[in-house]
C-alpha atoms as a PDB file:
ATOM      1  CA  UNK A   1       0.635 -23.882  -1.544  1.00  0.00           C
ATOM      2  CA  UNK A   2       1.744 -24.121   2.060  1.00  0.00           C
ATOM      3  CA  UNK A   3      -1.068 -24.553   4.609  1.00  0.00           C
ATOM      4  CA  UNK A   4       0.633 -22.317   7.189  1.00  0.00           C
ATOM      5  CA  UNK A   5      -0.051 -19.164   5.147  1.00  0.00           C
ATOM      6  CA  UNK A   6      -3.620 -17.925   5.653  1.00  0.00           C
ATOM      7  CA  UNK A   7      -5.381 -14.611   6.414  1.00  0.00           C
ATOM      8  CA  UNK A   8      -9.007 -14.063   7.377  1.00  0.00           C
ATOM      9  CA  UNK A   9     -10.847 -11.136   5.746  1.00  0.00           C
ATOM     10  CA  UNK A  10     -11.482  -9.434   9.100  1.00  0.00           C
ATOM     11  CA  UNK A  11      -7.784  -9.583   9.983  1.00  0.00           C
ATOM     12  CA  UNK A  12      -6.836  -8.184   6.569  1.00  0.00           C
ATOM     13  CA  UNK A  13      -9.258  -5.287   6.991  1.00  0.00           C
ATOM     14  CA  UNK A  14      -8.067  -4.611  10.559  1.00  0.00           C
ATOM     15  CA  UNK A  15      -4.442  -4.452   9.370  1.00  0.00           C
ATOM     16  CA  UNK A  16      -5.367  -1.312   7.419  1.00  0.00           C
ATOM     17  CA  UNK A  17      -7.676   0.203  10.046  1.00  0.00           C
ATOM     18  CA  UNK A  18     -10.268  -1.079  12.490  1.00  0.00           C
ATOM     19  CA  UNK A  19     -13.857  -0.519  11.455  1.00  0.00           C
ATOM     20  CA  UNK A  20     -17.030  -0.322  13.530  1.00  0.00           C
ATOM     21  CA  UNK A  21     -18.800  -3.685  13.443  1.00  0.00           C
ATOM     22  CA  UNK A  22     -21.613  -2.477  11.145  1.00  0.00           C
ATOM     23  CA  UNK A  23     -19.070  -1.173   8.586  1.00  0.00           C
ATOM     24  CA  UNK A  24     -16.961  -4.313   8.822  1.00  0.00           C
ATOM     25  CA  UNK A  25     -20.059  -6.444   8.290  1.00  0.00           C
ATOM     26  CA  UNK A  26     -21.056  -4.367   5.247  1.00  0.00           C
ATOM     27  CA  UNK A  27     -17.601  -4.805   3.735  1.00  0.00           C
ATOM     28  CA  UNK A  28     -17.312  -8.527   4.439  1.00  0.00           C
ATOM     29  CA  UNK A  29     -20.849  -9.112   3.116  1.00  0.00           C
ATOM     30  CA  UNK A  30     -19.737  -7.593  -0.199  1.00  0.00           C
ATOM     31  CA  UNK A  31     -16.853 -10.019  -0.761  1.00  0.00           C
ATOM     32  CA  UNK A  32     -16.971 -13.493  -2.217  1.00  0.00           C
ATOM     33  CA  UNK A  33     -14.314 -16.102  -1.551  1.00  0.00           C
ATOM     34  CA  UNK A  34     -12.889 -17.359  -4.842  1.00  0.00           C
ATOM     35  CA  UNK A  35     -10.079 -19.663  -5.925  1.00  0.00           C
ATOM     36  CA  UNK A  36      -7.924 -19.177  -8.989  1.00  0.00           C
ATOM     37  CA  UNK A  37      -5.063 -21.353 -10.280  1.00  0.00           C
ATOM     38  CA  UNK A  38      -1.397 -20.490 -10.545  1.00  0.00           C
ATOM     39  CA  UNK A  39      -0.646 -18.311 -13.611  1.00  0.00           C
ATOM     40  CA  UNK A  40      -4.163 -16.801 -13.652  1.00  0.00           C
ATOM     41  CA  UNK A  41      -4.157 -13.032 -14.235  1.00  0.00           C
ATOM     42  CA  UNK A  42      -6.236 -10.740 -12.030  1.00  0.00           C
ATOM     43  CA  UNK A  43      -5.363  -7.660 -14.105  1.00  0.00           C
ATOM     44  CA  UNK A  44      -3.783  -6.993 -17.467  1.00  0.00           C
ATOM     45  CA  UNK A  45      -1.556  -4.038 -18.258  1.00  0.00           C
ATOM     46  CA  UNK A  46      -3.416  -1.144 -19.949  1.00  0.00           C
ATOM     47  CA  UNK A  47      -6.857  -2.657 -19.255  1.00  0.00           C
ATOM     48  CA  UNK A  48      -9.307  -1.439 -16.632  1.00  0.00           C
ATOM     49  CA  UNK A  49      -9.883  -3.707 -13.652  1.00  0.00           C
ATOM     50  CA  UNK A  50     -13.396  -4.385 -12.392  1.00  0.00           C
ATOM     51  CA  UNK A  51     -12.666  -6.315  -9.192  1.00  0.00           C
ATOM     52  CA  UNK A  52     -10.589  -5.776  -6.089  1.00  0.00           C
ATOM     53  CA  UNK A  53      -9.000  -8.549  -4.054  1.00  0.00           C
ATOM     54  CA  UNK A  54      -7.824  -9.383  -0.553  1.00  0.00           C
ATOM     55  CA  UNK A  55      -5.345 -12.273  -0.483  1.00  0.00           C
ATOM     56  CA  UNK A  56      -6.480 -14.994   1.901  1.00  0.00           C
ATOM     57  CA  UNK A  57      -3.962 -17.578   0.744  1.00  0.00           C
ATOM     58  CA  UNK A  58      -1.353 -17.500  -1.987  1.00  0.00           C
ATOM     59  CA  UNK A  59       1.128 -15.265  -3.725  1.00  0.00           C
ATOM     60  CA  UNK A  60       0.858 -12.824  -6.632  1.00  0.00           C
ATOM     61  CA  UNK A  61       3.157 -10.531  -8.551  1.00  0.00           C
ATOM     62  CA  UNK A  62       2.683  -7.342 -10.550  1.00  0.00           C
ATOM     63  CA  UNK A  63       4.818  -6.947 -13.642  1.00  0.00           C
ATOM     64  CA  UNK A  64       5.251  -4.722 -16.660  1.00  0.00           C
ATOM     65  CA  UNK A  65       6.532  -5.658 -20.082  1.00  0.00           C
ATOM     66  CA  UNK A  66       8.993  -3.626 -22.080  1.00  0.00           C
ATOM     67  CA  UNK A  67      10.528  -4.401 -25.454  1.00  0.00           C
ATOM     68  CA  UNK A  68      13.583  -5.827 -23.716  1.00  0.00           C
ATOM     69  CA  UNK A  69      12.139  -7.735 -20.768  1.00  0.00           C
ATOM     70  CA  UNK A  70       9.400  -8.444 -18.275  1.00  0.00           C
ATOM     71  CA  UNK A  71      10.003  -6.619 -14.970  1.00  0.00           C
ATOM     72  CA  UNK A  72       8.460  -7.744 -11.679  1.00  0.00           C
ATOM     73  CA  UNK A  73       7.588  -4.662  -9.647  1.00  0.00           C
ATOM     74  CA  UNK A  74       5.645  -6.001  -6.682  1.00  0.00           C
ATOM     75  CA  UNK A  75       4.818  -9.178  -4.766  1.00  0.00           C
ATOM     76  CA  UNK A  76       1.621  -9.659  -2.804  1.00  0.00           C
ATOM     77  CA  UNK A  77       1.061 -12.358  -0.220  1.00  0.00           C
ATOM     78  CA  UNK A  78      -1.459 -13.331   2.423  1.00  0.00           C
ATOM     79  CA  UNK A  79      -3.036 -10.244   3.952  1.00  0.00           C
ATOM     80  CA  UNK A  80      -2.239  -7.949   1.042  1.00  0.00           C
ATOM     81  CA  UNK A  81      -4.799  -6.097  -1.031  1.00  0.00           C
ATOM     82  CA  UNK A  82      -4.739  -6.147  -4.808  1.00  0.00           C
ATOM     83  CA  UNK A  83      -6.729  -3.177  -6.017  1.00  0.00           C
ATOM     84  CA  UNK A  84      -6.781  -1.790  -9.564  1.00  0.00           C
ATOM     85  CA  UNK A  85      -5.674   1.622  -8.304  1.00  0.00           C
ATOM     86  CA  UNK A  86      -5.389   3.262 -11.733  1.00  0.00           C
ATOM     87  CA  UNK A  87      -8.979   2.227 -12.484  1.00  0.00           C
ATOM     88  CA  UNK A  88     -10.296   2.975  -9.003  1.00  0.00           C
ATOM     89  CA  UNK A  89      -8.825   6.456  -8.629  1.00  0.00           C
ATOM     90  CA  UNK A  90      -8.351   7.677 -12.201  1.00  0.00           C
ATOM     91  CA  UNK A  91     -10.626   5.549 -14.395  1.00  0.00           C
ATOM     92  CA  UNK A  92      -7.597   4.381 -16.399  1.00  0.00           C
ATOM     93  CA  UNK A  93      -6.232   1.026 -17.477  1.00  0.00           C
ATOM     94  CA  UNK A  94      -3.799  -0.628 -15.106  1.00  0.00           C
ATOM     95  CA  UNK A  95      -0.085   0.174 -15.195  1.00  0.00           C
ATOM     96  CA  UNK A  96       0.835  -3.499 -14.652  1.00  0.00           C
ATOM     97  CA  UNK A  97      -0.431  -7.039 -15.018  1.00  0.00           C
ATOM     98  CA  UNK A  98      -1.050  -9.082 -11.866  1.00  0.00           C
ATOM     99  CA  UNK A  99      -0.377 -12.817 -12.066  1.00  0.00           C
ATOM    100  CA  UNK A 100      -0.878 -15.552  -9.482  1.00  0.00           C
ATOM    101  CA  UNK A 101       2.397 -17.304  -8.584  1.00  0.00           C
ATOM    102  CA  UNK A 102       0.560 -19.991  -6.597  1.00  0.00           C
ATOM    103  CA  UNK A 103      -2.955 -21.353  -6.532  1.00  0.00           C
ATOM    104  CA  UNK A 104      -4.761 -18.622  -4.584  1.00  0.00           C
ATOM    105  CA  UNK A 105      -7.802 -18.183  -2.399  1.00  0.00           C
ATOM    106  CA  UNK A 106      -8.945 -14.581  -2.558  1.00  0.00           C
ATOM    107  CA  UNK A 107     -11.731 -12.424  -1.249  1.00  0.00           C
ATOM    108  CA  UNK A 108     -13.127 -10.755  -4.368  1.00  0.00           C
ATOM    109  CA  UNK A 109     -15.224  -7.584  -4.505  1.00  0.00           C
ATOM    110  CA  UNK A 110     -16.806  -5.790  -7.418  1.00  0.00           C
ATOM    111  CA  UNK A 111     -15.204  -2.365  -7.837  1.00  0.00           C
ATOM    112  CA  UNK A 112     -18.590  -0.654  -8.294  1.00  0.00           C
ATOM    113  CA  UNK A 113     -19.784  -2.158  -5.024  1.00  0.00           C
ATOM    114  CA  UNK A 114     -16.655  -0.906  -3.283  1.00  0.00           C
ATOM    115  CA  UNK A 115     -17.341   2.610  -4.603  1.00  0.00           C
ATOM    116  CA  UNK A 116     -20.944   2.365  -3.334  1.00  0.00           C
ATOM    117  CA  UNK A 117     -19.682   1.388   0.121  1.00  0.00           C
ATOM    118  CA  UNK A 118     -17.249   4.310   0.124  1.00  0.00           C
ATOM    119  CA  UNK A 119     -20.107   6.674  -0.819  1.00  0.00           C
ATOM    120  CA  UNK A 120     -22.544   5.352   1.787  1.00  0.00           C
ATOM    121  CA  UNK A 121     -20.326   4.750   4.833  1.00  0.00           C
ATOM    122  CA  UNK A 122     -17.845   7.346   6.100  1.00  0.00           C
ATOM    123  CA  UNK A 123     -15.960   4.675   8.066  1.00  0.00           C
ATOM    124  CA  UNK A 124     -15.416   2.633   4.908  1.00  0.00           C
ATOM    125  CA  UNK A 125     -14.466   5.769   2.960  1.00  0.00           C
ATOM    126  CA  UNK A 126     -11.853   6.544   5.623  1.00  0.00           C
ATOM    127  CA  UNK A 127     -10.685   2.934   5.556  1.00  0.00           C
ATOM    128  CA  UNK A 128     -10.201   3.262   1.789  1.00  0.00           C
ATOM    129  CA  UNK A 129      -8.285   6.515   2.283  1.00  0.00           C
ATOM    130  CA  UNK A 130      -6.036   4.824   4.831  1.00  0.00           C
ATOM    131  CA  UNK A 131      -5.385   1.998   2.405  1.00  0.00           C
ATOM    132  CA  UNK A 132      -4.516   4.535  -0.320  1.00  0.00           C
ATOM    133  CA  UNK A 133      -2.117   6.268   2.090  1.00  0.00           C
ATOM    134  CA  UNK A 134      -0.539   2.909   2.945  1.00  0.00           C
ATOM    135  CA  UNK A 135      -0.154   2.088  -0.776  1.00  0.00           C
ATOM    136  CA  UNK A 136       1.499   5.477  -1.433  1.00  0.00           C
ATOM    137  CA  UNK A 137       3.957   5.014   1.424  1.00  0.00           C
ATOM    138  CA  UNK A 138       4.780   1.489   0.251  1.00  0.00           C
ATOM    139  CA  UNK A 139       5.362   2.713  -3.317  1.00  0.00           C
ATOM    140  CA  UNK A 140       7.570   5.560  -2.121  1.00  0.00           C
ATOM    141  CA  UNK A 141       9.616   3.185   0.033  1.00  0.00           C
ATOM    142  CA  UNK A 142      10.057   0.842  -2.916  1.00  0.00           C
ATOM    143  CA  UNK A 143      11.199   3.729  -5.110  1.00  0.00           C
ATOM    144  CA  UNK A 144      13.693   4.974  -2.509  1.00  0.00           C
ATOM    145  CA  UNK A 145      15.026   1.472  -1.900  1.00  0.00           C
ATOM    146  CA  UNK A 146      15.652   0.941  -5.600  1.00  0.00           C
ATOM    147  CA  UNK A 147      17.199   4.375  -6.009  1.00  0.00           C
ATOM    148  CA  UNK A 148      19.442   4.615  -2.952  1.00  0.00           C
ATOM    149  CA  UNK A 149      20.357   1.063  -1.919  1.00  0.00           C
ATOM    150  CA  UNK A 150      22.831  -1.269  -3.550  1.00  0.00           C
ATOM    151  CA  UNK A 151      21.938  -4.781  -4.728  1.00  0.00           C
ATOM    152  CA  UNK A 152      22.921  -6.512  -1.497  1.00  0.00           C
ATOM    153  CA  UNK A 153      20.996  -4.028   0.663  1.00  0.00           C
ATOM    154  CA  UNK A 154      17.889  -4.429  -1.525  1.00  0.00           C
ATOM    155  CA  UNK A 155      18.091  -8.214  -1.206  1.00  0.00           C
ATOM    156  CA  UNK A 156      18.589  -8.117   2.572  1.00  0.00           C
ATOM    157  CA  UNK A 157      15.654  -5.711   2.978  1.00  0.00           C
ATOM    158  CA  UNK A 158      13.435  -8.009   0.917  1.00  0.00           C
ATOM    159  CA  UNK A 159      14.423 -10.986   3.079  1.00  0.00           C
ATOM    160  CA  UNK A 160      13.722  -9.059   6.284  1.00  0.00           C
ATOM    161  CA  UNK A 161      10.234  -8.116   5.051  1.00  0.00           C
ATOM    162  CA  UNK A 162       9.416 -11.429   3.331  1.00  0.00           C
ATOM    163  CA  UNK A 163      11.687 -14.186   4.737  1.00  0.00           C
ATOM    164  CA  UNK A 164       9.893 -17.067   2.986  1.00  0.00           C
ATOM    165  CA  UNK A 165      10.214 -15.507  -0.486  1.00  0.00           C
ATOM    166  CA  UNK A 166      13.129 -17.756  -1.495  1.00  0.00           C
ATOM    167  CA  UNK A 167      10.972 -20.849  -0.908  1.00  0.00           C
ATOM    168  CA  UNK A 168       7.950 -19.435  -2.733  1.00  0.00           C
ATOM    169  CA  UNK A 169       9.231 -17.392  -5.683  1.00  0.00           C
ATOM    170  CA  UNK A 170      11.563 -18.434  -8.531  1.00  0.00           C
ATOM    171  CA  UNK A 171      14.953 -16.708  -8.311  1.00  0.00           C
ATOM    172  CA  UNK A 172      14.549 -15.159 -11.760  1.00  0.00           C
ATOM    173  CA  UNK A 173      11.466 -13.232 -10.593  1.00  0.00           C
ATOM    174  CA  UNK A 174      13.225 -12.141  -7.398  1.00  0.00           C
ATOM    175  CA  UNK A 175      16.191 -10.912  -9.470  1.00  0.00           C
ATOM    176  CA  UNK A 176      13.807  -9.012 -11.755  1.00  0.00           C
ATOM    177  CA  UNK A 177      12.093  -7.414  -8.751  1.00  0.00           C
ATOM    178  CA  UNK A 178      15.474  -6.377  -7.308  1.00  0.00           C
ATOM    179  CA  UNK A 179      16.537  -5.040 -10.732  1.00  0.00           C
ATOM    180  CA  UNK A 180      19.576  -7.271 -11.039  1.00  0.00           C
ATOM    181  CA  UNK A 181      20.672 -10.308 -13.015  1.00  0.00           C
ATOM    182  CA  UNK A 182      20.075 -13.786 -11.655  1.00  0.00           C
ATOM    183  CA  UNK A 183      23.852 -14.303 -11.647  1.00  0.00           C
ATOM    184  CA  UNK A 184      24.321 -11.225  -9.445  1.00  0.00           C
ATOM    185  CA  UNK A 185      21.555 -12.436  -7.123  1.00  0.00           C
ATOM    186  CA  UNK A 186      23.270 -15.831  -6.820  1.00  0.00           C
ATOM    187  CA  UNK A 187      26.550 -14.113  -5.905  1.00  0.00           C
ATOM    188  CA  UNK A 188      24.851 -12.004  -3.241  1.00  0.00           C
ATOM    189  CA  UNK A 189      23.079 -15.040  -1.783  1.00  0.00           C
ATOM    190  CA  UNK A 190      26.417 -16.880  -1.569  1.00  0.00           C
ATOM    191  CA  UNK A 191      28.013 -13.919   0.209  1.00  0.00           C
ATOM    192  CA  UNK A 192      25.417 -13.614   2.955  1.00  0.00           C
ATOM    193  CA  UNK A 193      24.896 -17.300   3.761  1.00  0.00           C
END
């Protein structure tokens, strides 16, 4: 894992929305810094999650399995949040599995504790709402990109948002995320070099 990639918990929280110091302290006091190895799974498809995560260092992916293939649907890197949204908001099992692509250092929080903080602190409840809004917008953008953009445009957009992805993620997973074959991805990469 490259040393240059690193995010502090306070910076991650502030990227969603700034909190009053007392609320920020309550949130950061509820997290524990943990390390998990590459290939570890934070969540499994169809199972309820019980923890939420803030990525301090490392890279993760969400994927779903079908009869035909495994499809990568999301990458998370330093500064991103990995919440079991289906469990958190609907009490359901997760729609995807989340796997670590690198050894990761994460800030981990018990989901029940997060719910308690939301219930006891209006600033944290609003912070959680803002994160949910951010997640909805990101999901909608991903949907529209996959629906309306061609393969080359999807690849170029990914590179503009995540320039170091080629160095950190195997091409097969990038191709899966972009919903194209690895051969097609190789052709596109050759065209835009």
